[in-house]
Amino acid sequence: MTGDTHLCFGLLAFLSPINPTHLIPIPQTFPSQPSGEINAVRVRNRGYLVFATDPSKGVDSAEYQQVYATEARTPNQAIAKVRPLAEDRRVLAFLSTGKYWGEVVEARWVG
């Protein structure tokens, strides 16, 4: 380790048929920066869940709703990333929070 980096451990969540919330430590190196700079980077991109619904399908249909996860600066940028995949569906973006934990697990990642 050099003087300008710190070794930290993050957590990687993965799915398991036994326990869907396994967490394993992942070593990561982060540069030594003032917390203000680190927070500025975090604010630039946030995690969003984008819900795409098809009004022509029944609400009980499996094809009615698709959920996508992405990082973006604004909800509109998140929608713009998902729009090509959502075809003619209605789309709404929400900041990814604990409220949507069930949807996060099933969401498809859009980079």
PDB file of N, CA and C in Angstrom:
ATOM      1  N   MET A   1       0.840  -1.189   0.000  1.00  0.00           N
ATOM      2  CA  MET A   1       0.000   0.000   0.000  1.00  0.00           C
ATOM      3  C   MET A   1       0.874   1.237   0.000  1.00  0.00           C
ATOM      4  N   THR A   2       0.506   2.173  -0.830  1.00  0.00           N
ATOM      5  CA  THR A   2       1.214   3.440  -0.840  1.00  0.00           C
ATOM      6  C   THR A   2       0.513   4.393   0.111  1.00  0.00           C
ATOM      7  N   GLY A   3       1.130   5.556   0.318  1.00  0.00           N
ATOM      8  CA  GLY A   3       0.568   6.524   1.245  1.00  0.00           C
ATOM      9  C   GLY A   3      -0.693   7.199   0.743  1.00  0.00           C
ATOM     10  N   ASP A   4      -0.979   7.086  -0.565  1.00  0.00           N
ATOM     11  CA  ASP A   4      -2.138   7.801  -1.096  1.00  0.00           C
ATOM     12  C   ASP A   4      -3.338   6.892  -1.346  1.00  0.00           C
ATOM     13  N   THR A   5      -3.303   5.644  -0.896  1.00  0.00           N
ATOM     14  CA  THR A   5      -4.461   4.776  -1.050  1.00  0.00           C
ATOM     15  C   THR A   5      -4.735   4.043   0.252  1.00  0.00           C
ATOM     16  N   HIS A   6      -5.956   3.603   0.404  1.00  0.00           N
ATOM     17  CA  HIS A   6      -6.373   2.824   1.569  1.00  0.00           C
ATOM     18  C   HIS A   6      -7.014   1.547   1.074  1.00  0.00           C
ATOM     19  N   LEU A   7      -6.763   0.451   1.728  1.00  0.00           N
ATOM     20  CA  LEU A   7      -7.408  -0.809   1.403  1.00  0.00           C
ATOM     21  C   LEU A   7      -8.665  -0.924   2.248  1.00  0.00           C
ATOM     22  N   CYS A   8      -9.788  -1.105   1.602  1.00  0.00           N
ATOM     23  CA  CYS A   8     -11.061  -1.227   2.292  1.00  0.00           C
ATOM     24  C   CYS A   8     -11.742  -2.506   1.810  1.00  0.00           C
ATOM     25  N   PHE A   9     -12.733  -2.941   2.534  1.00  0.00           N
ATOM     26  CA  PHE A   9     -13.489  -4.107   2.117  1.00  0.00           C
ATOM     27  C   PHE A   9     -14.928  -3.695   1.854  1.00  0.00           C
ATOM     28  N   GLY A  10     -15.407  -3.975   0.645  1.00  0.00           N
ATOM     29  CA  GLY A  10     -16.798  -3.746   0.305  1.00  0.00           C
ATOM     30  C   GLY A  10     -17.544  -5.060   0.435  1.00  0.00           C
ATOM     31  N   LEU A  11     -18.841  -5.046   0.192  1.00  0.00           N
ATOM     32  CA  LEU A  11     -19.627  -6.266   0.270  1.00  0.00           C
ATOM     33  C   LEU A  11     -20.244  -6.526  -1.091  1.00  0.00           C
ATOM     34  N   LEU A  12     -20.169  -7.756  -1.556  1.00  0.00           N
ATOM     35  CA  LEU A  12     -20.753  -8.152  -2.816  1.00  0.00           C
ATOM     36  C   LEU A  12     -21.926  -9.067  -2.505  1.00  0.00           C
ATOM     37  N   ALA A  13     -23.087  -8.681  -2.955  1.00  0.00           N
ATOM     38  CA  ALA A  13     -24.266  -9.511  -2.747  1.00  0.00           C
ATOM     39  C   ALA A  13     -24.407 -10.457  -3.928  1.00  0.00           C
ATOM     40  N   PHE A  14     -24.758 -11.695  -3.672  1.00  0.00           N
ATOM     41  CA  PHE A  14     -24.999 -12.630  -4.750  1.00  0.00           C
ATOM     42  C   PHE A  14     -26.187 -13.510  -4.377  1.00  0.00           C
ATOM     43  N   LEU A  15     -26.795 -14.073  -5.405  1.00  0.00           N
ATOM     44  CA  LEU A  15     -27.985 -14.879  -5.177  1.00  0.00           C
ATOM     45  C   LEU A  15     -27.592 -16.326  -4.950  1.00  0.00           C
ATOM     46  N   SER A  16     -28.287 -16.962  -4.060  1.00  0.00           N
ATOM     47  CA  SER A  16     -28.049 -18.350  -3.742  1.00  0.00           C
ATOM     48  C   SER A  16     -29.404 -19.021  -3.579  1.00  0.00           C
ATOM     49  N   PRO A  17     -29.537 -20.269  -4.000  1.00  0.00           N
ATOM     50  CA  PRO A  17     -30.830 -20.923  -3.803  1.00  0.00           C
ATOM     51  C   PRO A  17     -31.143 -21.147  -2.319  1.00  0.00           C
ATOM     52  N   ILE A  18     -30.111 -21.124  -1.472  1.00  0.00           N
ATOM     53  CA  ILE A  18     -30.325 -21.358  -0.044  1.00  0.00           C
ATOM     54  C   ILE A  18     -30.689 -20.055   0.664  1.00  0.00           C
ATOM     55  N   ASN A  19     -29.891 -19.000   0.439  1.00  0.00           N
ATOM     56  CA  ASN A  19     -30.106 -17.719   1.113  1.00  0.00           C
ATOM     57  C   ASN A  19     -29.869 -16.611   0.084  1.00  0.00           C
ATOM     58  N   PRO A  20     -30.895 -15.866  -0.301  1.00  0.00           N
ATOM     59  CA  PRO A  20     -30.733 -14.866  -1.358  1.00  0.00           C
ATOM     60  C   PRO A  20     -29.956 -13.620  -0.937  1.00  0.00           C
ATOM     61  N   THR A  21     -29.492 -13.554   0.306  1.00  0.00           N
ATOM     62  CA  THR A  21     -28.803 -12.342   0.737  1.00  0.00           C
ATOM     63  C   THR A  21     -27.397 -12.625   1.248  1.00  0.00           C
ATOM     64  N   HIS A  22     -26.679 -13.541   0.613  1.00  0.00           N
ATOM     65  CA  HIS A  22     -25.293 -13.778   1.000  1.00  0.00           C
ATOM     66  C   HIS A  22     -24.459 -12.534   0.710  1.00  0.00           C
ATOM     67  N   LEU A  23     -23.566 -12.194   1.597  1.00  0.00           N
ATOM     68  CA  LEU A  23     -22.654 -11.073   1.397  1.00  0.00           C
ATOM     69  C   LEU A  23     -21.237 -11.585   1.599  1.00  0.00           C
ATOM     70  N   ILE A  24     -20.340 -11.246   0.662  1.00  0.00           N
ATOM     71  CA  ILE A  24     -18.951 -11.654   0.803  1.00  0.00           C
ATOM     72  C   ILE A  24     -18.077 -10.417   0.721  1.00  0.00           C
ATOM     73  N   PRO A  25     -16.985 -10.364   1.488  1.00  0.00           N
ATOM     74  CA  PRO A  25     -16.110  -9.188   1.436  1.00  0.00           C
ATOM     75  C   PRO A  25     -15.279  -9.175   0.155  1.00  0.00           C
ATOM     76  N   ILE A  26     -15.132  -8.009  -0.439  1.00  0.00           N
ATOM     77  CA  ILE A  26     -14.332  -7.808  -1.638  1.00  0.00           C
ATOM     78  C   ILE A  26     -13.302  -6.722  -1.319  1.00  0.00           C
ATOM     79  N   PRO A  27     -12.003  -7.015  -1.421  1.00  0.00           N
ATOM     80  CA  PRO A  27     -11.013  -5.962  -1.154  1.00  0.00           C
ATOM     81  C   PRO A  27     -11.045  -4.908  -2.253  1.00  0.00           C
ATOM     82  N   GLN A  28     -11.009  -3.653  -1.879  1.00  0.00           N
ATOM     83  CA  GLN A  28     -11.019  -2.538  -2.821  1.00  0.00           C
ATOM     84  C   GLN A  28     -10.032  -1.492  -2.348  1.00  0.00           C
ATOM     85  N   THR A  29      -9.404  -0.813  -3.279  1.00  0.00           N
ATOM     86  CA  THR A  29      -8.505   0.284  -2.909  1.00  0.00           C
ATOM     87  C   THR A  29      -9.175   1.603  -3.282  1.00  0.00           C
ATOM     88  N   PHE A  30      -9.154   2.516  -2.364  1.00  0.00           N
ATOM     89  CA  PHE A  30      -9.732   3.826  -2.589  1.00  0.00           C
ATOM     90  C   PHE A  30      -8.666   4.882  -2.354  1.00  0.00           C
ATOM     91  N   PRO A  31      -8.608   5.885  -3.212  1.00  0.00           N
ATOM     92  CA  PRO A  31      -7.624   6.941  -2.989  1.00  0.00           C
ATOM     93  C   PRO A  31      -7.940   7.738  -1.727  1.00  0.00           C
ATOM     94  N   SER A  32      -6.895   8.241  -1.098  1.00  0.00           N
ATOM     95  CA  SER A  32      -7.089   9.096   0.069  1.00  0.00           C
ATOM     96  C   SER A  32      -7.510  10.480  -0.424  1.00  0.00           C
ATOM     97  N   GLN A  33      -8.765  10.807  -0.225  1.00  0.00           N
ATOM     98  CA  GLN A  33      -9.297  12.102  -0.637  1.00  0.00           C
ATOM     99  C   GLN A  33     -10.092  12.675   0.525  1.00  0.00           C
ATOM    100  N   PRO A  34     -10.189  13.985   0.569  1.00  0.00           N
ATOM    101  CA  PRO A  34     -11.077  14.570   1.575  1.00  0.00           C
ATOM    102  C   PRO A  34     -12.503  14.080   1.344  1.00  0.00           C
ATOM    103  N   SER A  35     -13.259  13.941   2.421  1.00  0.00           N
ATOM    104  CA  SER A  35     -14.611  13.404   2.301  1.00  0.00           C
ATOM    105  C   SER A  35     -15.495  14.241   1.388  1.00  0.00           C
ATOM    106  N   GLY A  36     -15.248  15.522   1.275  1.00  0.00           N
ATOM    107  CA  GLY A  36     -16.026  16.368   0.371  1.00  0.00           C
ATOM    108  C   GLY A  36     -15.872  15.941  -1.074  1.00  0.00           C
ATOM    109  N   GLU A  37     -14.660  15.582  -1.470  1.00  0.00           N
ATOM    110  CA  GLU A  37     -14.424  15.119  -2.844  1.00  0.00           C
ATOM    111  C   GLU A  37     -15.090  13.770  -3.079  1.00  0.00           C
ATOM    112  N   ILE A  38     -15.001  12.887  -2.110  1.00  0.00           N
ATOM    113  CA  ILE A  38     -15.617  11.565  -2.244  1.00  0.00           C
ATOM    114  C   ILE A  38     -17.128  11.705  -2.370  1.00  0.00           C
ATOM    115  N   ASN A  39     -17.743  12.541  -1.542  1.00  0.00           N
ATOM    116  CA  ASN A  39     -19.187  12.750  -1.609  1.00  0.00           C
ATOM    117  C   ASN A  39     -19.601  13.376  -2.929  1.00  0.00           C
ATOM    118  N   ALA A  40     -18.774  14.253  -3.486  1.00  0.00           N
ATOM    119  CA  ALA A  40     -19.091  14.862  -4.774  1.00  0.00           C
ATOM    120  C   ALA A  40     -19.153  13.800  -5.869  1.00  0.00           C
ATOM    121  N   VAL A  41     -18.273  12.827  -5.804  1.00  0.00           N
ATOM    122  CA  VAL A  41     -18.291  11.738  -6.779  1.00  0.00           C
ATOM    123  C   VAL A  41     -19.547  10.890  -6.598  1.00  0.00           C
ATOM    124  N   ARG A  42     -19.915  10.606  -5.368  1.00  0.00           N
ATOM    125  CA  ARG A  42     -21.108   9.804  -5.098  1.00  0.00           C
ATOM    126  C   ARG A  42     -22.377  10.495  -5.566  1.00  0.00           C
ATOM    127  N   VAL A  43     -22.418  11.802  -5.443  1.00  0.00           N
ATOM    128  CA  VAL A  43     -23.612  12.546  -5.823  1.00  0.00           C
ATOM    129  C   VAL A  43     -23.780  12.561  -7.339  1.00  0.00           C
ATOM    130  N   ARG A  44     -22.681  12.533  -8.070  1.00  0.00           N
ATOM    131  CA  ARG A  44     -22.776  12.590  -9.530  1.00  0.00           C
ATOM    132  C   ARG A  44     -23.636  11.477 -10.094  1.00  0.00           C
ATOM    133  N   ASN A  45     -23.418  10.266  -9.661  1.00  0.00           N
ATOM    134  CA  ASN A  45     -24.208   9.132 -10.141  1.00  0.00           C
ATOM    135  C   ASN A  45     -24.888   8.454  -8.973  1.00  0.00           C
ATOM    136  N   ARG A  46     -26.158   8.195  -9.151  1.00  0.00           N
ATOM    137  CA  ARG A  46     -26.945   7.504  -8.139  1.00  0.00           C
ATOM    138  C   ARG A  46     -27.632   6.319  -8.777  1.00  0.00           C
ATOM    139  N   GLY A  47     -27.999   5.360  -7.956  1.00  0.00           N
ATOM    140  CA  GLY A  47     -28.685   4.176  -8.464  1.00  0.00           C
ATOM    141  C   GLY A  47     -30.169   4.446  -8.645  1.00  0.00           C
ATOM    142  N   TYR A  48     -30.683   4.070  -9.788  1.00  0.00           N
ATOM    143  CA  TYR A  48     -32.102   4.242 -10.083  1.00  0.00           C
ATOM    144  C   TYR A  48     -32.716   2.917 -10.491  1.00  0.00           C
ATOM    145  N   LEU A  49     -33.970   2.732 -10.134  1.00  0.00           N
ATOM    146  CA  LEU A  49     -34.773   1.643 -10.654  1.00  0.00           C
ATOM    147  C   LEU A  49     -35.754   2.244 -11.642  1.00  0.00           C
ATOM    148  N   VAL A  50     -35.815   1.670 -12.812  1.00  0.00           N
ATOM    149  CA  VAL A  50     -36.732   2.163 -13.838  1.00  0.00           C
ATOM    150  C   VAL A  50     -37.774   1.079 -14.084  1.00  0.00           C
ATOM    151  N   PHE A  51     -39.026   1.437 -13.872  1.00  0.00           N
ATOM    152  CA  PHE A  51     -40.138   0.518 -14.079  1.00  0.00           C
ATOM    153  C   PHE A  51     -40.740   0.794 -15.450  1.00  0.00           C
ATOM    154  N   ALA A  52     -40.835  -0.236 -16.270  1.00  0.00           N
ATOM    155  CA  ALA A  52     -41.416  -0.113 -17.604  1.00  0.00           C
ATOM    156  C   ALA A  52     -42.668  -0.983 -17.648  1.00  0.00           C
ATOM    157  N   THR A  53     -43.825  -0.355 -17.835  1.00  0.00           N
ATOM    158  CA  THR A  53     -45.089  -1.096 -17.858  1.00  0.00           C
ATOM    159  C   THR A  53     -45.707  -1.024 -19.241  1.00  0.00           C
ATOM    160  N   ASP A  54     -46.395  -2.095 -19.611  1.00  0.00           N
ATOM    161  CA  ASP A  54     -47.055  -2.182 -20.912  1.00  0.00           C
ATOM    162  C   ASP A  54     -48.557  -2.100 -20.694  1.00  0.00           C
ATOM    163  N   PRO A  55     -49.195  -0.976 -21.082  1.00  0.00           N
ATOM    164  CA  PRO A  55     -50.626  -0.826 -20.817  1.00  0.00           C
ATOM    165  C   PRO A  55     -51.499  -1.796 -21.620  1.00  0.00           C
ATOM    166  N   SER A  56     -50.956  -2.404 -22.675  1.00  0.00           N
ATOM    167  CA  SER A  56     -51.759  -3.335 -23.465  1.00  0.00           C
ATOM    168  C   SER A  56     -51.837  -4.718 -22.815  1.00  0.00           C
ATOM    169  N   LYS A  57     -51.011  -4.982 -21.816  1.00  0.00           N
ATOM    170  CA  LYS A  57     -51.024  -6.273 -21.106  1.00  0.00           C
ATOM    171  C   LYS A  57     -51.856  -6.152 -19.839  1.00  0.00           C
ATOM    172  N   GLY A  58     -52.373  -7.237 -19.393  1.00  0.00           N
ATOM    173  CA  GLY A  58     -53.125  -7.254 -18.144  1.00  0.00           C
ATOM    174  C   GLY A  58     -52.186  -7.091 -16.961  1.00  0.00           C
ATOM    175  N   VAL A  59     -52.670  -6.507 -15.888  1.00  0.00           N
ATOM    176  CA  VAL A  59     -51.855  -6.256 -14.700  1.00  0.00           C
ATOM    177  C   VAL A  59     -51.325  -7.553 -14.105  1.00  0.00           C
ATOM    178  N   ASP A  60     -52.067  -8.629 -14.217  1.00  0.00           N
ATOM    179  CA  ASP A  60     -51.648  -9.913 -13.672  1.00  0.00           C
ATOM    180  C   ASP A  60     -50.684 -10.659 -14.591  1.00  0.00           C
ATOM    181  N   SER A  61     -50.477 -10.169 -15.784  1.00  0.00           N
ATOM    182  CA  SER A  61     -49.594 -10.829 -16.747  1.00  0.00           C
ATOM    183  C   SER A  61     -48.131 -10.658 -16.345  1.00  0.00           C
ATOM    184  N   ALA A  62     -47.318 -11.673 -16.605  1.00  0.00           N
ATOM    185  CA  ALA A  62     -45.882 -11.604 -16.280  1.00  0.00           C
ATOM    186  C   ALA A  62     -45.158 -10.585 -17.140  1.00  0.00           C
ATOM    187  N   GLU A  63     -45.688 -10.295 -18.311  1.00  0.00           N
ATOM    188  CA  GLU A  63     -45.041  -9.335 -19.222  1.00  0.00           C
ATOM    189  C   GLU A  63     -45.469  -7.888 -18.966  1.00  0.00           C
ATOM    190  N   TYR A  64     -46.337  -7.662 -17.992  1.00  0.00           N
ATOM    191  CA  TYR A  64     -46.848  -6.308 -17.746  1.00  0.00           C
ATOM    192  C   TYR A  64     -45.748  -5.347 -17.297  1.00  0.00           C
ATOM    193  N   GLN A  65     -44.896  -5.774 -16.381  1.00  0.00           N
ATOM    194  CA  GLN A  65     -43.887  -4.872 -15.824  1.00  0.00           C
ATOM    195  C   GLN A  65     -42.483  -5.450 -15.986  1.00  0.00           C
ATOM    196  N   GLN A  66     -41.561  -4.598 -16.428  1.00  0.00           N
ATOM    197  CA  GLN A  66     -40.143  -4.935 -16.458  1.00  0.00           C
ATOM    198  C   GLN A  66     -39.424  -3.933 -15.561  1.00  0.00           C
ATOM    199  N   VAL A  67     -38.400  -4.397 -14.844  1.00  0.00           N
ATOM    200  CA  VAL A  67     -37.663  -3.526 -13.932  1.00  0.00           C
ATOM    201  C   VAL A  67     -36.204  -3.521 -14.352  1.00  0.00           C
ATOM    202  N   TYR A  68     -35.633  -2.326 -14.457  1.00  0.00           N
ATOM    203  CA  TYR A  68     -34.241  -2.147 -14.839  1.00  0.00           C
ATOM    204  C   TYR A  68     -33.527  -1.366 -13.741  1.00  0.00           C
ATOM    205  N   ALA A  69     -32.255  -1.668 -13.531  1.00  0.00           N
ATOM    206  CA  ALA A  69     -31.422  -0.929 -12.585  1.00  0.00           C
ATOM    207  C   ALA A  69     -30.295  -0.270 -13.362  1.00  0.00           C
ATOM    208  N   THR A  70     -29.983   0.975 -13.015  1.00  0.00           N
ATOM    209  CA  THR A  70     -28.914   1.697 -13.697  1.00  0.00           C
ATOM    210  C   THR A  70     -28.378   2.799 -12.791  1.00  0.00           C
ATOM    211  N   GLU A  71     -27.227   3.348 -13.171  1.00  0.00           N
ATOM    212  CA  GLU A  71     -26.672   4.514 -12.487  1.00  0.00           C
ATOM    213  C   GLU A  71     -26.769   5.703 -13.422  1.00  0.00           C
ATOM    214  N   ALA A  72     -27.174   6.837 -12.885  1.00  0.00           N
ATOM    215  CA  ALA A  72     -27.300   8.054 -13.677  1.00  0.00           C
ATOM    216  C   ALA A  72     -27.265   9.252 -12.739  1.00  0.00           C
ATOM    217  N   ARG A  73     -27.129  10.423 -13.341  1.00  0.00           N
ATOM    218  CA  ARG A  73     -27.130  11.648 -12.534  1.00  0.00           C
ATOM    219  C   ARG A  73     -28.541  12.103 -12.199  1.00  0.00           C
ATOM    220  N   THR A  74     -29.479  11.872 -13.115  1.00  0.00           N
ATOM    221  CA  THR A  74     -30.860  12.314 -12.915  1.00  0.00           C
ATOM    222  C   THR A  74     -31.818  11.191 -13.312  1.00  0.00           C
ATOM    223  N   PRO A  75     -33.067  11.275 -12.863  1.00  0.00           N
ATOM    224  CA  PRO A  75     -34.054  10.277 -13.296  1.00  0.00           C
ATOM    225  C   PRO A  75     -34.245  10.256 -14.812  1.00  0.00           C
ATOM    226  N   ASN A  76     -34.196  11.423 -15.438  1.00  0.00           N
ATOM    227  CA  ASN A  76     -34.365  11.479 -16.895  1.00  0.00           C
ATOM    228  C   ASN A  76     -33.227  10.782 -17.629  1.00  0.00           C
ATOM    229  N   GLN A  77     -32.006  10.884 -17.111  1.00  0.00           N
ATOM    230  CA  GLN A  77     -30.888  10.164 -17.727  1.00  0.00           C
ATOM    231  C   GLN A  77     -31.057   8.661 -17.550  1.00  0.00           C
ATOM    232  N   ALA A  78     -31.586   8.236 -16.419  1.00  0.00           N
ATOM    233  CA  ALA A  78     -31.846   6.814 -16.197  1.00  0.00           C
ATOM    234  C   ALA A  78     -32.894   6.307 -17.187  1.00  0.00           C
ATOM    235  N   ILE A  79     -33.941   7.088 -17.389  1.00  0.00           N
ATOM    236  CA  ILE A  79     -34.987   6.712 -18.350  1.00  0.00           C
ATOM    237  C   ILE A  79     -34.414   6.650 -19.760  1.00  0.00           C
ATOM    238  N   ALA A  80     -33.550   7.596 -20.114  1.00  0.00           N
ATOM    239  CA  ALA A  80     -32.948   7.611 -21.455  1.00  0.00           C
ATOM    240  C   ALA A  80     -32.109   6.358 -21.701  1.00  0.00           C
ATOM    241  N   LYS A  81     -31.449   5.841 -20.670  1.00  0.00           N
ATOM    242  CA  LYS A  81     -30.661   4.616 -20.825  1.00  0.00           C
ATOM    243  C   LYS A  81     -31.553   3.405 -21.079  1.00  0.00           C
ATOM    244  N   VAL A  82     -32.715   3.393 -20.439  1.00  0.00           N
ATOM    245  CA  VAL A  82     -33.601   2.234 -20.502  1.00  0.00           C
ATOM    246  C   VAL A  82     -34.545   2.296 -21.702  1.00  0.00           C
ATOM    247  N   ARG A  83     -34.846   3.473 -22.176  1.00  0.00           N
ATOM    248  CA  ARG A  83     -35.842   3.653 -23.242  1.00  0.00           C
ATOM    249  C   ARG A  83     -35.642   2.710 -24.439  1.00  0.00           C
ATOM    250  N   PRO A  84     -34.414   2.498 -24.970  1.00  0.00           N
ATOM    251  CA  PRO A  84     -34.273   1.583 -26.113  1.00  0.00           C
ATOM    252  C   PRO A  84     -34.682   0.136 -25.790  1.00  0.00           C
ATOM    253  N   LEU A  85     -34.563  -0.274 -24.545  1.00  0.00           N
ATOM    254  CA  LEU A  85     -34.932  -1.639 -24.152  1.00  0.00           C
ATOM    255  C   LEU A  85     -36.419  -1.765 -23.831  1.00  0.00           C
ATOM    256  N   ALA A  86     -37.037  -0.669 -23.441  1.00  0.00           N
ATOM    257  CA  ALA A  86     -38.424  -0.694 -22.982  1.00  0.00           C
ATOM    258  C   ALA A  86     -39.430  -0.611 -24.122  1.00  0.00           C
ATOM    259  N   GLU A  87     -38.977  -0.370 -25.339  1.00  0.00           N
ATOM    260  CA  GLU A  87     -39.829  -0.277 -26.522  1.00  0.00           C
ATOM    261  C   GLU A  87     -40.950   0.737 -26.313  1.00  0.00           C
ATOM    262  N   ASP A  88     -42.209   0.309 -26.396  1.00  0.00           N
ATOM    263  CA  ASP A  88     -43.348   1.236 -26.301  1.00  0.00           C
ATOM    264  C   ASP A  88     -43.975   1.254 -24.911  1.00  0.00           C
ATOM    265  N   ARG A  89     -43.221   0.917 -23.923  1.00  0.00           N
ATOM    266  CA  ARG A  89     -43.750   0.863 -22.562  1.00  0.00           C
ATOM    267  C   ARG A  89     -43.695   2.230 -21.890  1.00  0.00           C
ATOM    268  N   ARG A  90     -44.535   2.409 -20.874  1.00  0.00           N
ATOM    269  CA  ARG A  90     -44.463   3.608 -20.040  1.00  0.00           C
ATOM    270  C   ARG A  90     -43.324   3.397 -19.057  1.00  0.00           C
ATOM    271  N   VAL A  91     -42.518   4.420 -18.819  1.00  0.00           N
ATOM    272  CA  VAL A  91     -41.372   4.266 -17.915  1.00  0.00           C
ATOM    273  C   VAL A  91     -41.406   5.316 -16.809  1.00  0.00           C
ATOM    274  N   LEU A  92     -41.036   4.878 -15.609  1.00  0.00           N
ATOM    275  CA  LEU A  92     -40.908   5.753 -14.443  1.00  0.00           C
ATOM    276  C   LEU A  92     -39.619   5.375 -13.723  1.00  0.00           C
ATOM    277  N   ALA A  93     -38.850   6.368 -13.313  1.00  0.00           N
ATOM    278  CA  ALA A  93     -37.589   6.116 -12.608  1.00  0.00           C
ATOM    279  C   ALA A  93     -37.722   6.552 -11.153  1.00  0.00           C
ATOM    280  N   PHE A  94     -37.199   5.723 -10.255  1.00  0.00           N
ATOM    281  CA  PHE A  94     -37.192   6.014  -8.827  1.00  0.00           C
ATOM    282  C   PHE A  94     -35.788   5.796  -8.294  1.00  0.00           C
ATOM    283  N   LEU A  95     -35.384   6.626  -7.353  1.00  0.00           N
ATOM    284  CA  LEU A  95     -34.109   6.448  -6.687  1.00  0.00           C
ATOM    285  C   LEU A  95     -34.132   5.103  -5.964  1.00  0.00           C
ATOM    286  N   SER A  96     -33.084   4.332  -6.146  1.00  0.00           N
ATOM    287  CA  SER A  96     -33.023   2.993  -5.557  1.00  0.00           C
ATOM    288  C   SER A  96     -32.833   3.108  -4.046  1.00  0.00           C
ATOM    289  N   THR A  97     -33.832   2.690  -3.301  1.00  0.00           N
ATOM    290  CA  THR A  97     -33.784   2.741  -1.838  1.00  0.00           C
ATOM    291  C   THR A  97     -34.227   1.391  -1.290  1.00  0.00           C
ATOM    292  N   GLY A  98     -34.200   1.251  -0.004  1.00  0.00           N
ATOM    293  CA  GLY A  98     -34.633   0.026   0.630  1.00  0.00           C
ATOM    294  C   GLY A  98     -36.091  -0.301   0.386  1.00  0.00           C
ATOM    295  N   LYS A  99     -36.880   0.697   0.044  1.00  0.00           N
ATOM    296  CA  LYS A  99     -38.300   0.483  -0.226  1.00  0.00           C
ATOM    297  C   LYS A  99     -38.502  -0.481  -1.395  1.00  0.00           C
ATOM    298  N   TYR A 100     -37.577  -0.469  -2.351  1.00  0.00           N
ATOM    299  CA  TYR A 100     -37.716  -1.284  -3.550  1.00  0.00           C
ATOM    300  C   TYR A 100     -36.792  -2.499  -3.525  1.00  0.00           C
ATOM    301  N   TRP A 101     -36.490  -3.052  -2.345  1.00  0.00           N
ATOM    302  CA  TRP A 101     -35.544  -4.159  -2.235  1.00  0.00           C
ATOM    303  C   TRP A 101     -35.968  -5.350  -3.095  1.00  0.00           C
ATOM    304  N   GLY A 102     -37.229  -5.717  -3.091  1.00  0.00           N
ATOM    305  CA  GLY A 102     -37.697  -6.852  -3.879  1.00  0.00           C
ATOM    306  C   GLY A 102     -37.489  -6.652  -5.369  1.00  0.00           C
ATOM    307  N   GLU A 103     -37.664  -5.425  -5.833  1.00  0.00           N
ATOM    308  CA  GLU A 103     -37.481  -5.132  -7.243  1.00  0.00           C
ATOM    309  C   GLU A 103     -36.004  -5.092  -7.632  1.00  0.00           C
ATOM    310  N   VAL A 104     -35.145  -4.684  -6.719  1.00  0.00           N
ATOM    311  CA  VAL A 104     -33.702  -4.623  -6.997  1.00  0.00           C
ATOM    312  C   VAL A 104     -33.182  -6.016  -7.316  1.00  0.00           C
ATOM    313  N   VAL A 105     -33.652  -6.998  -6.583  1.00  0.00           N
ATOM    314  CA  VAL A 105     -33.185  -8.374  -6.775  1.00  0.00           C
ATOM    315  C   VAL A 105     -33.527  -8.876  -8.182  1.00  0.00           C
ATOM    316  N   GLU A 106     -34.678  -8.506  -8.700  1.00  0.00           N
ATOM    317  CA  GLU A 106     -35.137  -9.007 -10.000  1.00  0.00           C
ATOM    318  C   GLU A 106     -34.798  -8.072 -11.159  1.00  0.00           C
ATOM    319  N   ALA A 107     -34.257  -6.894 -10.891  1.00  0.00           N
ATOM    320  CA  ALA A 107     -34.005  -5.906 -11.949  1.00  0.00           C
ATOM    321  C   ALA A 107     -32.865  -6.343 -12.871  1.00  0.00           C
ATOM    322  N   ARG A 108     -32.982  -5.931 -14.131  1.00  0.00           N
ATOM    323  CA  ARG A 108     -31.919  -6.165 -15.100  1.00  0.00           C
ATOM    324  C   ARG A 108     -31.027  -4.936 -15.126  1.00  0.00           C
ATOM    325  N   TRP A 109     -29.710  -5.150 -15.065  1.00  0.00           N
ATOM    326  CA  TRP A 109     -28.745  -4.051 -15.036  1.00  0.00           C
ATOM    327  C   TRP A 109     -28.560  -3.474 -16.429  1.00  0.00           C
ATOM    328  N   VAL A 110     -28.610  -2.146 -16.528  1.00  0.00           N
ATOM    329  CA  VAL A 110     -28.350  -1.436 -17.773  1.00  0.00           C
ATOM    330  C   VAL A 110     -27.165  -0.518 -17.507  1.00  0.00           C
ATOM    331  N   GLY A 111     -26.075  -0.736 -18.209  1.00  0.00           N
ATOM    332  CA  GLY A 111     -24.849   0.040 -17.979  1.00  0.00           C
ATOM    333  C   GLY A 111     -24.786   1.332 -18.724  1.00  0.00           C
TER     334      GLY A 111
END
